[in-house]
């Protein structure tokens, strides 16, 4: 069940990144992608350890 939720989370993350990429200029997307991915990984790290 945890694996299914993790896969769903990654797919939703990918869909969000594609949507932001298509609807925003490139100069905005690149820093947003790095910051958002770092924040996402930190969020997954804290929820995994609890």
PDB file of N, CA and C in Angstrom:
ATOM      1  N   UNK A   1       0.825  -1.198   0.000  1.00  0.00           N
ATOM      2  CA  UNK A   1       0.000   0.000   0.000  1.00  0.00           C
ATOM      3  C   UNK A   1       0.873   1.267   0.000  1.00  0.00           C
ATOM      4  N   UNK A   2       1.959   1.230   0.793  1.00  0.00           N
ATOM      5  CA  UNK A   2       2.850   2.401   0.819  1.00  0.00           C
ATOM      6  C   UNK A   2       3.505   2.638  -0.527  1.00  0.00           C
ATOM      7  N   UNK A   3       3.846   1.552  -1.221  1.00  0.00           N
ATOM      8  CA  UNK A   3       4.467   1.684  -2.537  1.00  0.00           C
ATOM      9  C   UNK A   3       3.493   2.309  -3.533  1.00  0.00           C
ATOM     10  N   UNK A   4       2.219   1.925  -3.443  1.00  0.00           N
ATOM     11  CA  UNK A   4       1.208   2.488  -4.336  1.00  0.00           C
ATOM     12  C   UNK A   4       1.026   3.980  -4.073  1.00  0.00           C
ATOM     13  N   UNK A   5       1.005   4.374  -2.809  1.00  0.00           N
ATOM     14  CA  UNK A   5       0.880   5.787  -2.470  1.00  0.00           C
ATOM     15  C   UNK A   5       2.105   6.578  -2.914  1.00  0.00           C
ATOM     16  N   UNK A   6       3.284   5.989  -2.787  1.00  0.00           N
ATOM     17  CA  UNK A   6       4.500   6.662  -3.235  1.00  0.00           C
ATOM     18  C   UNK A   6       4.494   6.842  -4.746  1.00  0.00           C
ATOM     19  N   UNK A   7       4.071   5.826  -5.472  1.00  0.00           N
ATOM     20  CA  UNK A   7       3.987   5.918  -6.931  1.00  0.00           C
ATOM     21  C   UNK A   7       2.957   6.958  -7.352  1.00  0.00           C
ATOM     22  N   UNK A   8       1.818   6.974  -6.701  1.00  0.00           N
ATOM     23  CA  UNK A   8       0.799   7.979  -7.005  1.00  0.00           C
ATOM     24  C   UNK A   8       1.314   9.380  -6.718  1.00  0.00           C
ATOM     25  N   UNK A   9       2.025   9.548  -5.634  1.00  0.00           N
ATOM     26  CA  UNK A   9       2.598  10.845  -5.293  1.00  0.00           C
ATOM     27  C   UNK A   9       3.583  11.307  -6.355  1.00  0.00           C
ATOM     28  N   UNK A  10       4.447  10.399  -6.820  1.00  0.00           N
ATOM     29  CA  UNK A  10       5.409  10.750  -7.867  1.00  0.00           C
ATOM     30  C   UNK A  10       4.712  11.095  -9.177  1.00  0.00           C
ATOM     31  N   UNK A  11       3.661  10.368  -9.526  1.00  0.00           N
ATOM     32  CA  UNK A  11       2.939  10.663 -10.762  1.00  0.00           C
ATOM     33  C   UNK A  11       2.239  12.019 -10.688  1.00  0.00           C
ATOM     34  N   UNK A  12       1.658  12.330  -9.542  1.00  0.00           N
ATOM     35  CA  UNK A  12       1.028  13.643  -9.371  1.00  0.00           C
ATOM     36  C   UNK A  12       2.066  14.752  -9.406  1.00  0.00           C
ATOM     37  N   UNK A  13       3.238  14.506  -8.834  1.00  0.00           N
ATOM     38  CA  UNK A  13       4.334  15.482  -8.872  1.00  0.00           C
ATOM     39  C   UNK A  13       4.765  15.741 -10.311  1.00  0.00           C
ATOM     40  N   UNK A  14       4.903  14.665 -11.090  1.00  0.00           N
ATOM     41  CA  UNK A  14       5.288  14.798 -12.490  1.00  0.00           C
ATOM     42  C   UNK A  14       4.231  15.569 -13.279  1.00  0.00           C
ATOM     43  N   UNK A  15       2.967  15.271 -13.042  1.00  0.00           N
ATOM     44  CA  UNK A  15       1.894  15.984 -13.727  1.00  0.00           C
ATOM     45  C   UNK A  15       1.909  17.476 -13.365  1.00  0.00           C
ATOM     46  N   UNK A  16       2.150  17.779 -12.100  1.00  0.00           N
ATOM     47  CA  UNK A  16       2.234  19.185 -11.683  1.00  0.00           C
ATOM     48  C   UNK A  16       3.399  19.895 -12.358  1.00  0.00           C
ATOM     49  N   UNK A  17       4.550  19.238 -12.434  1.00  0.00           N
ATOM     50  CA  UNK A  17       5.720  19.854 -13.071  1.00  0.00           C
ATOM     51  C   UNK A  17       5.479  20.083 -14.567  1.00  0.00           C
ATOM     52  N   UNK A  18       4.831  19.142 -15.237  1.00  0.00           N
ATOM     53  CA  UNK A  18       4.517  19.323 -16.659  1.00  0.00           C
ATOM     54  C   UNK A  18       3.557  20.486 -16.843  1.00  0.00           C
ATOM     55  N   UNK A  19       2.537  20.581 -15.982  1.00  0.00           N
ATOM     56  CA  UNK A  19       1.572  21.670 -16.089  1.00  0.00           C
ATOM     57  C   UNK A  19       2.240  23.027 -15.848  1.00  0.00           C
ATOM     58  N   UNK A  20       3.085  23.126 -14.835  1.00  0.00           N
ATOM     59  CA  UNK A  20       3.783  24.379 -14.556  1.00  0.00           C
ATOM     60  C   UNK A  20       4.726  24.721 -15.704  1.00  0.00           C
ATOM     61  N   UNK A  21       5.405  23.725 -16.257  1.00  0.00           N
ATOM     62  CA  UNK A  21       6.330  23.962 -17.374  1.00  0.00           C
ATOM     63  C   UNK A  21       5.603  24.509 -18.601  1.00  0.00           C
ATOM     64  N   UNK A  22       4.430  23.961 -18.890  1.00  0.00           N
ATOM     65  CA  UNK A  22       3.690  24.390 -20.076  1.00  0.00           C
ATOM     66  C   UNK A  22       3.024  25.750 -19.888  1.00  0.00           C
ATOM     67  N   UNK A  23       2.732  26.139 -18.644  1.00  0.00           N
ATOM     68  CA  UNK A  23       1.990  27.379 -18.426  1.00  0.00           C
ATOM     69  C   UNK A  23       2.850  28.518 -17.892  1.00  0.00           C
ATOM     70  N   UNK A  24       4.159  28.329 -17.800  1.00  0.00           N
ATOM     71  CA  UNK A  24       5.014  29.397 -17.283  1.00  0.00           C
ATOM     72  C   UNK A  24       6.230  29.572 -18.184  1.00  0.00           C
ATOM     73  N   UNK A  25       6.845  30.752 -18.148  1.00  0.00           N
ATOM     74  CA  UNK A  25       8.059  30.954 -18.942  1.00  0.00           C
ATOM     75  C   UNK A  25       9.232  30.142 -18.386  1.00  0.00           C
ATOM     76  N   UNK A  26      10.196  29.886 -19.244  1.00  0.00           N
ATOM     77  CA  UNK A  26      11.323  29.031 -18.859  1.00  0.00           C
ATOM     78  C   UNK A  26      12.144  29.633 -17.724  1.00  0.00           C
ATOM     79  N   UNK A  27      12.295  30.963 -17.706  1.00  0.00           N
ATOM     80  CA  UNK A  27      13.106  31.584 -16.652  1.00  0.00           C
ATOM     81  C   UNK A  27      12.473  31.397 -15.279  1.00  0.00           C
ATOM     82  N   UNK A  28      11.152  31.200 -15.224  1.00  0.00           N
ATOM     83  CA  UNK A  28      10.489  30.945 -13.947  1.00  0.00           C
ATOM     84  C   UNK A  28      10.558  29.469 -13.586  1.00  0.00           C
ATOM     85  N   UNK A  29      10.417  28.597 -14.587  1.00  0.00           N
ATOM     86  CA  UNK A  29      10.290  27.172 -14.304  1.00  0.00           C
ATOM     87  C   UNK A  29      11.565  26.564 -13.725  1.00  0.00           C
ATOM     88  N   UNK A  30      12.713  26.939 -14.247  1.00  0.00           N
ATOM     89  CA  UNK A  30      13.964  26.283 -13.818  1.00  0.00           C
ATOM     90  C   UNK A  30      14.226  26.474 -12.321  1.00  0.00           C
ATOM     91  N   UNK A  31      14.242  27.716 -11.784  1.00  0.00           N
ATOM     92  CA  UNK A  31      14.437  27.822 -10.323  1.00  0.00           C
ATOM     93  C   UNK A  31      13.282  27.223  -9.526  1.00  0.00           C
ATOM     94  N   UNK A  32      12.041  27.360 -10.043  1.00  0.00           N
ATOM     95  CA  UNK A  32      10.893  26.770  -9.358  1.00  0.00           C
ATOM     96  C   UNK A  32      11.041  25.256  -9.270  1.00  0.00           C
ATOM     97  N   UNK A  33      11.479  24.629 -10.349  1.00  0.00           N
ATOM     98  CA  UNK A  33      11.627  23.181 -10.366  1.00  0.00           C
ATOM     99  C   UNK A  33      12.638  22.716  -9.322  1.00  0.00           C
ATOM    100  N   UNK A  34      13.791  23.379  -9.254  1.00  0.00           N
ATOM    101  CA  UNK A  34      14.812  22.971  -8.283  1.00  0.00           C
ATOM    102  C   UNK A  34      14.346  23.197  -6.848  1.00  0.00           C
ATOM    103  N   UNK A  35      13.766  24.355  -6.575  1.00  0.00           N
ATOM    104  CA  UNK A  35      13.296  24.622  -5.211  1.00  0.00           C
ATOM    105  C   UNK A  35      12.148  23.704  -4.816  1.00  0.00           C
ATOM    106  N   UNK A  36      11.205  23.504  -5.723  1.00  0.00           N
ATOM    107  CA  UNK A  36      10.051  22.661  -5.411  1.00  0.00           C
ATOM    108  C   UNK A  36      10.460  21.203  -5.255  1.00  0.00           C
ATOM    109  N   UNK A  37      11.388  20.740  -6.075  1.00  0.00           N
ATOM    110  CA  UNK A  37      11.849  19.351  -5.956  1.00  0.00           C
ATOM    111  C   UNK A  37      12.594  19.145  -4.642  1.00  0.00           C
ATOM    112  N   UNK A  38      13.434  20.104  -4.256  1.00  0.00           N
ATOM    113  CA  UNK A  38      14.125  20.006  -2.984  1.00  0.00           C
ATOM    114  C   UNK A  38      13.123  19.966  -1.816  1.00  0.00           C
ATOM    115  N   UNK A  39      12.119  20.830  -1.873  1.00  0.00           N
ATOM    116  CA  UNK A  39      11.099  20.854  -0.822  1.00  0.00           C
ATOM    117  C   UNK A  39      10.307  19.543  -0.801  1.00  0.00           C
ATOM    118  N   UNK A  40       9.995  19.011  -1.970  1.00  0.00           N
ATOM    119  CA  UNK A  40       9.264  17.745  -2.061  1.00  0.00           C
ATOM    120  C   UNK A  40      10.079  16.602  -1.457  1.00  0.00           C
ATOM    121  N   UNK A  41      11.362  16.548  -1.774  1.00  0.00           N
ATOM    122  CA  UNK A  41      12.207  15.492  -1.226  1.00  0.00           C
ATOM    123  C   UNK A  41      12.347  15.620   0.280  1.00  0.00           C
ATOM    124  N   UNK A  42      12.452  16.839   0.784  1.00  0.00           N
ATOM    125  CA  UNK A  42      12.490  17.039   2.246  1.00  0.00           C
ATOM    126  C   UNK A  42      11.186  16.575   2.883  1.00  0.00           C
ATOM    127  N   UNK A  43      10.066  16.876   2.245  1.00  0.00           N
ATOM    128  CA  UNK A  43       8.770  16.459   2.775  1.00  0.00           C
ATOM    129  C   UNK A  43       8.658  14.931   2.803  1.00  0.00           C
ATOM    130  N   UNK A  44       9.092  14.281   1.744  1.00  0.00           N
ATOM    131  CA  UNK A  44       9.047  12.815   1.701  1.00  0.00           C
ATOM    132  C   UNK A  44       9.984  12.198   2.726  1.00  0.00           C
ATOM    133  N   UNK A  45      11.129  12.843   2.955  1.00  0.00           N
ATOM    134  CA  UNK A  45      12.094  12.339   3.933  1.00  0.00           C
ATOM    135  C   UNK A  45      11.527  12.384   5.350  1.00  0.00           C
ATOM    136  N   UNK A  46      10.870  13.479   5.724  1.00  0.00           N
ATOM    137  CA  UNK A  46      10.332  13.586   7.081  1.00  0.00           C
ATOM    138  C   UNK A  46       9.137  12.665   7.274  1.00  0.00           C
ATOM    139  N   UNK A  47       8.301  12.506   6.261  1.00  0.00           N
ATOM    140  CA  UNK A  47       7.145  11.639   6.429  1.00  0.00           C
ATOM    141  C   UNK A  47       7.565  10.159   6.437  1.00  0.00           C
ATOM    142  N   UNK A  48       8.680   9.839   5.780  1.00  0.00           N
ATOM    143  CA  UNK A  48       9.154   8.467   5.746  1.00  0.00           C
ATOM    144  C   UNK A  48       9.708   8.050   7.113  1.00  0.00           C
ATOM    145  N   UNK A  49      10.349   8.965   7.807  1.00  0.00           N
ATOM    146  CA  UNK A  49      10.989   8.612   9.083  1.00  0.00           C
ATOM    147  C   UNK A  49       9.986   8.519  10.227  1.00  0.00           C
ATOM    148  N   UNK A  50       8.797   9.070  10.072  1.00  0.00           N
ATOM    149  CA  UNK A  50       7.827   9.030  11.184  1.00  0.00           C
ATOM    150  C   UNK A  50       7.036   7.742  11.203  1.00  0.00           C
TER     151      UNK A  50
END
